Protein backbone atom coordinates (compact mmCIF):
# COMPACT_ATOMS: atom_id res chain seq x y z
CA UNK A 1 64.05 0.45 59.55
CA UNK A 2 61.72 3.36 59.08
CA UNK A 3 61.20 5.27 55.86
CA UNK A 4 63.27 8.32 55.05
CA UNK A 5 60.02 10.20 54.60
CA UNK A 6 57.74 10.69 57.58
CA UNK A 7 54.18 9.37 57.32
CA UNK A 8 52.55 12.15 59.31
CA UNK A 9 49.76 14.03 57.58
CA UNK A 10 50.32 17.71 56.98
CA UNK A 11 47.62 20.18 58.02
CA UNK A 12 44.79 20.41 55.52
CA UNK A 13 45.03 23.68 53.63
CA UNK A 14 43.27 25.07 50.61
CA UNK A 15 45.30 24.48 47.48
CA UNK A 16 45.38 25.27 43.78
CA UNK A 17 46.61 22.97 41.01
CA UNK A 18 47.30 24.10 37.47
CA UNK A 19 46.93 21.62 34.60
CA UNK A 20 48.70 22.54 31.38
CA UNK A 21 48.06 20.47 28.23
CA UNK A 22 51.13 21.23 26.17
CA UNK A 23 50.04 19.20 23.13
CA UNK A 24 46.32 19.99 23.36
CA UNK A 25 43.63 17.34 23.52
CA UNK A 26 42.27 15.87 26.76
CA UNK A 27 43.94 12.53 27.53
CA UNK A 28 47.41 13.35 26.19
CA UNK A 29 50.33 14.99 27.98
CA UNK A 30 49.31 16.90 31.12
CA UNK A 31 51.66 18.82 33.38
CA UNK A 32 50.22 19.41 36.86
CA UNK A 33 51.87 21.90 39.21
CA UNK A 34 51.18 24.74 41.59
CA UNK A 35 53.06 27.87 42.62
CA UNK A 36 53.64 26.63 46.18
CA UNK A 37 55.57 23.45 45.32
CA UNK A 38 58.96 22.64 43.83
CA UNK A 39 57.45 19.63 42.07
CA UNK A 40 55.35 18.93 39.05
CA UNK A 41 53.73 15.75 37.73
CA UNK A 42 53.75 14.76 34.07
CA UNK A 43 50.92 12.40 33.08
CA UNK A 44 50.70 10.82 29.64
CA UNK A 45 49.79 7.60 27.81
CA UNK A 46 52.59 5.05 27.80
CA UNK A 47 52.47 4.81 24.01
CA UNK A 48 53.07 8.59 23.73
CA UNK A 49 56.53 8.42 25.33
CA UNK A 50 58.42 9.42 22.15
CA UNK A 51 56.17 12.44 21.57
CA UNK A 52 56.45 13.53 25.20
CA UNK A 53 60.25 13.21 25.15
CA UNK A 54 60.36 15.67 22.23
CA UNK A 55 58.23 18.22 24.06
CA UNK A 56 59.57 17.70 27.60
CA UNK A 57 63.09 16.19 27.55
CA UNK A 58 63.11 13.51 30.25
CA UNK A 59 66.80 13.79 31.11
CA UNK A 60 66.55 14.36 34.86
CA UNK A 61 66.14 12.26 38.04
CA UNK A 62 62.52 11.40 38.83
CA UNK A 63 60.19 8.98 40.52
CA UNK A 64 57.51 7.51 38.27
CA UNK A 65 54.48 5.21 38.24
CA UNK A 66 53.29 2.85 35.52
CA UNK A 67 49.64 1.88 35.77
CA UNK A 68 46.57 0.52 34.02
CA UNK A 69 44.19 1.72 36.72
CA UNK A 70 44.09 -1.62 38.55
CA UNK A 71 47.83 -2.30 38.98
CA UNK A 72 50.78 0.02 39.52
CA UNK A 73 54.56 -0.19 39.42
CA UNK A 74 56.68 2.47 41.14
CA UNK A 75 60.20 3.19 39.89
CA UNK A 76 62.94 5.79 39.95
CA UNK A 77 65.83 6.77 37.71
CA UNK A 78 68.55 9.36 37.32
CA UNK A 79 67.59 9.47 33.61
CA UNK A 80 63.87 8.86 33.65
CA UNK A 81 63.41 9.01 29.86
CA UNK A 82 65.99 6.28 29.29
CA UNK A 83 64.40 4.08 31.95
CA UNK A 84 60.89 4.50 30.56
CA UNK A 85 62.15 3.62 27.07
CA UNK A 86 63.58 0.40 28.52
CA UNK A 87 60.19 -0.41 30.05
CA UNK A 88 58.59 -0.08 26.62
CA UNK A 89 60.44 -3.23 25.55
CA UNK A 90 59.97 -5.09 28.85
CA UNK A 91 57.20 -7.71 28.66
CA UNK A 92 56.58 -7.47 32.42
CA UNK A 93 55.63 -3.80 32.00
CA UNK A 94 53.29 -4.19 29.03
CA UNK A 95 50.29 -3.93 31.37
CA UNK A 96 50.90 -0.18 31.70
CA UNK A 97 48.72 2.23 29.76
CA UNK A 98 49.62 5.46 31.58
CA UNK A 99 52.71 7.06 33.11
CA UNK A 100 52.99 9.54 35.98
CA UNK A 101 56.39 11.20 36.38
CA UNK A 102 57.12 13.09 39.62
CA UNK A 103 59.86 15.56 38.80
CA UNK A 104 61.48 18.65 40.28
CA UNK A 105 60.54 22.11 39.12
CA UNK A 106 64.28 22.73 38.66
CA UNK A 107 67.47 20.65 38.61
CA UNK A 108 68.31 21.39 42.24
CA UNK A 109 65.15 20.35 44.13
CA UNK A 110 65.00 16.69 43.06
CA UNK A 111 68.18 14.66 42.73
CA UNK A 112 68.80 10.91 42.53
CA UNK A 113 68.62 10.47 46.32
CA UNK A 114 65.28 12.29 46.46
CA UNK A 115 63.89 10.15 43.63
CA UNK A 116 64.92 6.96 45.46
CA UNK A 117 63.34 8.21 48.69
CA UNK A 118 60.10 9.11 46.90
CA UNK A 119 59.99 5.64 45.36
CA UNK A 120 60.29 4.15 48.85
CA UNK A 121 57.55 6.44 50.21
CA UNK A 122 55.07 5.87 47.37
CA UNK A 123 55.61 2.10 47.33
CA UNK A 124 54.76 1.90 51.02
CA UNK A 125 51.88 4.39 50.71
CA UNK A 126 50.28 2.49 47.81
CA UNK A 127 50.59 -0.79 49.67
CA UNK A 128 48.98 0.79 52.76
CA UNK A 129 46.16 2.37 50.74
CA UNK A 130 45.28 -1.04 49.18
CA UNK A 131 43.37 0.57 46.32
CA UNK A 132 45.23 -1.19 43.52
CA UNK A 133 47.51 -4.18 43.06
CA UNK A 134 51.13 -3.15 43.68
CA UNK A 135 53.67 -4.76 41.36
CA UNK A 136 57.32 -4.76 42.43
CA UNK A 137 60.42 -6.76 41.66
CA UNK A 138 61.98 -6.14 45.06
CA UNK A 139 61.55 -3.78 47.99
CA UNK A 140 62.73 -0.25 47.16
CA UNK A 141 66.12 0.87 48.44
CA UNK A 142 66.24 2.95 51.61
CA UNK A 143 68.76 5.79 51.82
CA UNK A 144 69.86 7.28 55.12
CA UNK A 145 69.47 11.06 54.96
CA UNK A 146 70.00 13.87 57.46
CA UNK A 147 66.98 15.11 59.38
CA UNK A 148 66.74 18.39 57.48
CA UNK A 149 66.61 16.53 54.15
CA UNK A 150 63.94 14.13 55.36
CA UNK A 151 61.80 17.08 56.44
CA UNK A 152 62.04 18.66 52.98
CA UNK A 153 61.25 15.35 51.26
CA UNK A 154 58.28 14.86 53.55
CA UNK A 155 56.75 18.08 52.25
CA UNK A 156 57.57 17.15 48.65
CA UNK A 157 55.92 13.74 49.06
CA UNK A 158 52.66 15.23 50.31
CA UNK A 159 52.66 17.83 47.54
CA UNK A 160 53.30 15.11 44.97
CA UNK A 161 50.46 12.99 46.35
CA UNK A 162 48.00 15.84 45.77
CA UNK A 163 49.37 16.59 42.31
CA UNK A 164 49.19 12.90 41.38
CA UNK A 165 45.51 12.81 42.33
CA UNK A 166 44.82 15.93 40.26
CA UNK A 167 46.68 14.33 37.34
CA UNK A 168 44.31 11.35 37.48
CA UNK A 169 46.29 8.82 39.52
CA UNK A 170 44.05 6.82 41.89
CA UNK A 171 46.68 4.50 43.37
CA UNK A 172 46.99 6.52 46.60
CA UNK A 173 43.71 8.35 47.10
CA UNK A 174 40.29 7.59 45.64
CA UNK A 175 36.57 7.89 46.28
CA UNK A 176 36.10 4.39 44.83
CA UNK A 177 36.26 1.24 47.01
CA UNK A 178 39.30 -0.99 46.52
CA UNK A 179 39.11 -3.69 43.87
CA UNK A 180 42.46 -5.39 44.36
CA UNK A 181 44.25 -5.45 47.73
CA UNK A 182 47.90 -6.20 48.41
CA UNK A 183 49.70 -6.94 51.62
CA UNK A 184 47.10 -9.33 53.05
CA UNK A 185 48.29 -12.54 54.75
CA UNK A 186 48.55 -15.70 52.70
CA UNK A 187 46.24 -18.63 53.45
CA UNK A 188 47.90 -21.96 54.16
CA UNK A 189 45.15 -24.41 53.21
CA UNK A 190 45.65 -24.32 49.44
CA UNK A 191 44.37 -27.52 47.82
CA UNK A 192 46.81 -30.00 46.31
CA UNK A 193 47.71 -29.06 42.74
CA UNK A 194 46.76 -31.03 39.66
CA UNK A 195 47.99 -30.35 36.10
CA UNK A 196 46.96 -26.98 34.69
CA UNK A 197 43.75 -26.69 32.74
CA UNK A 198 44.48 -27.06 28.99
CA UNK A 199 42.00 -24.28 28.14
CA UNK A 200 43.71 -21.67 30.29
CA UNK A 201 43.04 -18.89 27.79
CA UNK A 202 39.35 -19.58 27.17
CA UNK A 203 36.75 -16.84 27.24
CA UNK A 204 35.13 -15.55 30.43
CA UNK A 205 31.54 -14.30 30.06
CA UNK A 206 30.22 -11.78 32.58
CA UNK A 207 26.54 -11.54 33.55
CA UNK A 208 25.13 -14.78 32.16
CA UNK A 209 21.54 -15.93 32.81
CA UNK A 210 21.33 -19.35 34.43
CA UNK A 211 18.63 -21.83 35.30
CA UNK A 212 19.56 -24.07 38.21
CA UNK A 213 17.16 -26.86 37.29
CA UNK A 214 19.06 -30.14 37.01
CA UNK A 215 22.45 -28.40 37.36
CA UNK A 216 25.11 -30.08 39.43
CA UNK A 217 25.99 -27.71 42.29
CA UNK A 218 29.48 -27.18 43.72
CA UNK A 219 30.80 -25.21 46.67
CA UNK A 220 34.28 -23.75 47.00
CA UNK A 221 36.56 -25.32 49.59
CA UNK A 222 39.32 -22.72 49.90
CA UNK A 223 40.19 -20.28 52.72
CA UNK A 224 36.57 -20.02 53.93
CA UNK A 225 35.51 -18.21 50.75
CA UNK A 226 31.77 -18.61 50.16
CA UNK A 227 31.15 -19.43 46.51
CA UNK A 228 28.74 -21.62 44.54
CA UNK A 229 29.26 -22.95 41.03
CA UNK A 230 27.32 -25.01 38.51
CA UNK A 231 28.05 -27.17 35.47
CA UNK A 232 26.05 -25.77 32.58
CA UNK A 233 26.37 -26.48 28.85
CA UNK A 234 30.10 -27.12 28.98
CA UNK A 235 30.87 -24.01 31.04
CA UNK A 236 31.32 -23.62 34.76
CA UNK A 237 29.13 -20.85 36.18
CA UNK A 238 30.06 -19.04 39.39
CA UNK A 239 26.80 -17.59 40.62
CA UNK A 240 26.01 -14.04 41.75
CA UNK A 241 26.56 -13.61 45.47
CA UNK A 242 29.76 -15.64 45.50
CA UNK A 243 32.78 -14.12 47.18
CA UNK A 244 36.06 -13.29 45.41
CA UNK A 245 39.30 -13.20 47.40
CA UNK A 246 41.01 -9.88 46.63
CA UNK A 247 44.63 -10.81 47.12
CA UNK A 248 46.31 -12.45 44.14
CA UNK A 249 49.23 -14.75 44.95
CA UNK A 250 52.55 -14.30 43.18
CA UNK A 251 52.19 -17.85 41.83
CA UNK A 252 49.02 -16.92 39.92
CA UNK A 253 49.33 -16.56 36.16
CA UNK A 254 49.13 -13.17 34.47
CA UNK A 255 45.74 -13.97 32.94
CA UNK A 256 44.24 -14.10 36.45
CA UNK A 257 45.14 -10.40 36.85
CA UNK A 258 43.53 -9.66 33.47
CA UNK A 259 40.31 -11.48 34.32
CA UNK A 260 40.13 -9.66 37.67
CA UNK A 261 40.54 -6.32 35.88
CA UNK A 262 37.79 -7.32 33.43
CA UNK A 263 35.45 -8.09 36.34
CA UNK A 264 36.25 -4.79 38.04
CA UNK A 265 35.88 -2.71 34.88
CA UNK A 266 32.52 -4.38 34.12
CA UNK A 267 31.23 -3.41 37.58
CA UNK A 268 30.74 -7.06 38.47
CA UNK A 269 32.22 -6.75 41.97
CA UNK A 270 30.84 -5.02 45.03
CA UNK A 271 32.15 -4.32 48.52
CA UNK A 272 31.06 -6.56 51.39
CA UNK A 273 30.38 -4.30 54.33
CA UNK A 274 32.75 -4.97 57.24
CA UNK A 275 35.03 -7.29 55.21
CA UNK A 276 38.16 -5.98 53.49
CA UNK A 277 39.78 -9.11 52.04
CA UNK A 278 36.93 -10.20 49.75
CA UNK A 279 34.30 -8.75 47.44
CA UNK A 280 31.06 -10.21 46.09
CA UNK A 281 30.03 -10.99 42.53
CA UNK A 282 26.97 -8.94 41.56
CA UNK A 283 26.27 -11.14 38.53
CA UNK A 284 26.89 -14.73 37.47
CA UNK A 285 30.08 -15.37 35.49
CA UNK A 286 30.78 -18.23 33.06
CA UNK A 287 34.29 -19.73 32.93
CA UNK A 288 35.62 -22.28 30.43
CA UNK A 289 36.39 -24.74 33.23
CA UNK A 290 36.23 -25.36 36.97
CA UNK A 291 40.01 -24.86 37.25
CA UNK A 292 39.92 -21.41 35.67
CA UNK A 293 36.98 -20.43 37.90
CA UNK A 294 38.94 -21.55 40.97
CA UNK A 295 42.01 -19.51 39.97
CA UNK A 296 40.03 -16.33 39.39
CA UNK A 297 37.87 -16.61 42.53
CA UNK A 298 40.73 -17.53 44.87
CA UNK A 299 43.50 -15.45 43.27
CA UNK A 300 45.76 -18.49 43.69
CA UNK A 301 47.19 -21.34 41.62
CA UNK A 302 44.18 -23.46 42.57
CA UNK A 303 42.55 -26.16 40.46
CA UNK A 304 39.27 -27.99 39.92
CA UNK A 305 39.68 -29.84 43.21
CA UNK A 306 38.89 -26.60 45.02
CA UNK A 307 35.25 -27.15 44.02
CA UNK A 308 33.46 -29.84 46.01
CA UNK A 309 30.16 -31.37 44.97
CA UNK A 310 27.34 -30.10 47.16
CA UNK A 311 24.67 -32.59 48.15
CA UNK A 312 20.99 -31.52 48.31
CA UNK A 313 20.73 -32.40 52.00
CA UNK A 314 23.61 -30.15 53.09
CA UNK A 315 22.62 -27.18 55.24
CA UNK A 316 23.35 -23.69 53.93
CA UNK A 317 24.20 -20.85 56.30
CA UNK A 318 23.33 -17.36 55.12
CA UNK A 319 25.05 -14.28 56.55
CA UNK A 320 23.72 -10.75 56.34
């Protein structure tokens, strides 16, 4: 079944966005709107919800996004303030550092049905853009609407997409290459599992110097990912040039998402030209164990068995 909102791109026109900082400052509450749209976007830190609710009562239907820059959750509610307050006490939403609320300029232009339809549109659009990791509990609900309503919502969705970008949201449009991709096919040759590593929460060190003299060398045997690792002083080092699979399986633990964000924020990953399901480590990274290294590199519930000892006589194939 197709989306209630069309995916066609509207003609490119010059546009003007107005950013109003009601509470002053720079990174606090921002309201982004223009005179040609019936929408506005409120952007604010998640922890500032109580302050924002006093300045801008959140008592209306709206679509919203929770994000930390690398992951995003898209929701909707007929009482958006109440729903956001519930998320504040939800452990599964504690990743969020910023909120974007897409709301109507008046009570008539955005009702509950429109909020649900916008959630459906933005969930699909974020998944298609593959710029961030999309978090969702279930697929958004699809409402059947008359043609004239779908046309209006189509225009609202494109206006909201522009306003979201101007508010600082990079889940839909960005000049930066993707770091985490969703919607890629799963690989079927996952190694057999062994018990989890006891040091699952050990420290990861980015950009470590290594000397390969007398180090035992390992190669990754998972989904044709090229990666090399070495035992060194109690750590397991994944060397610069190794590939990192971008998709993270649902079975992976939450700390895998955190370590991936740490790598991205440190600038340790780079795009591989012509390949969109992997990126390459620019620096060597030390992990507390082989199992943890396997989980982070593969984005799966892998284990130490994913690393196979590499013998000196094995041939190595290099690709440009």
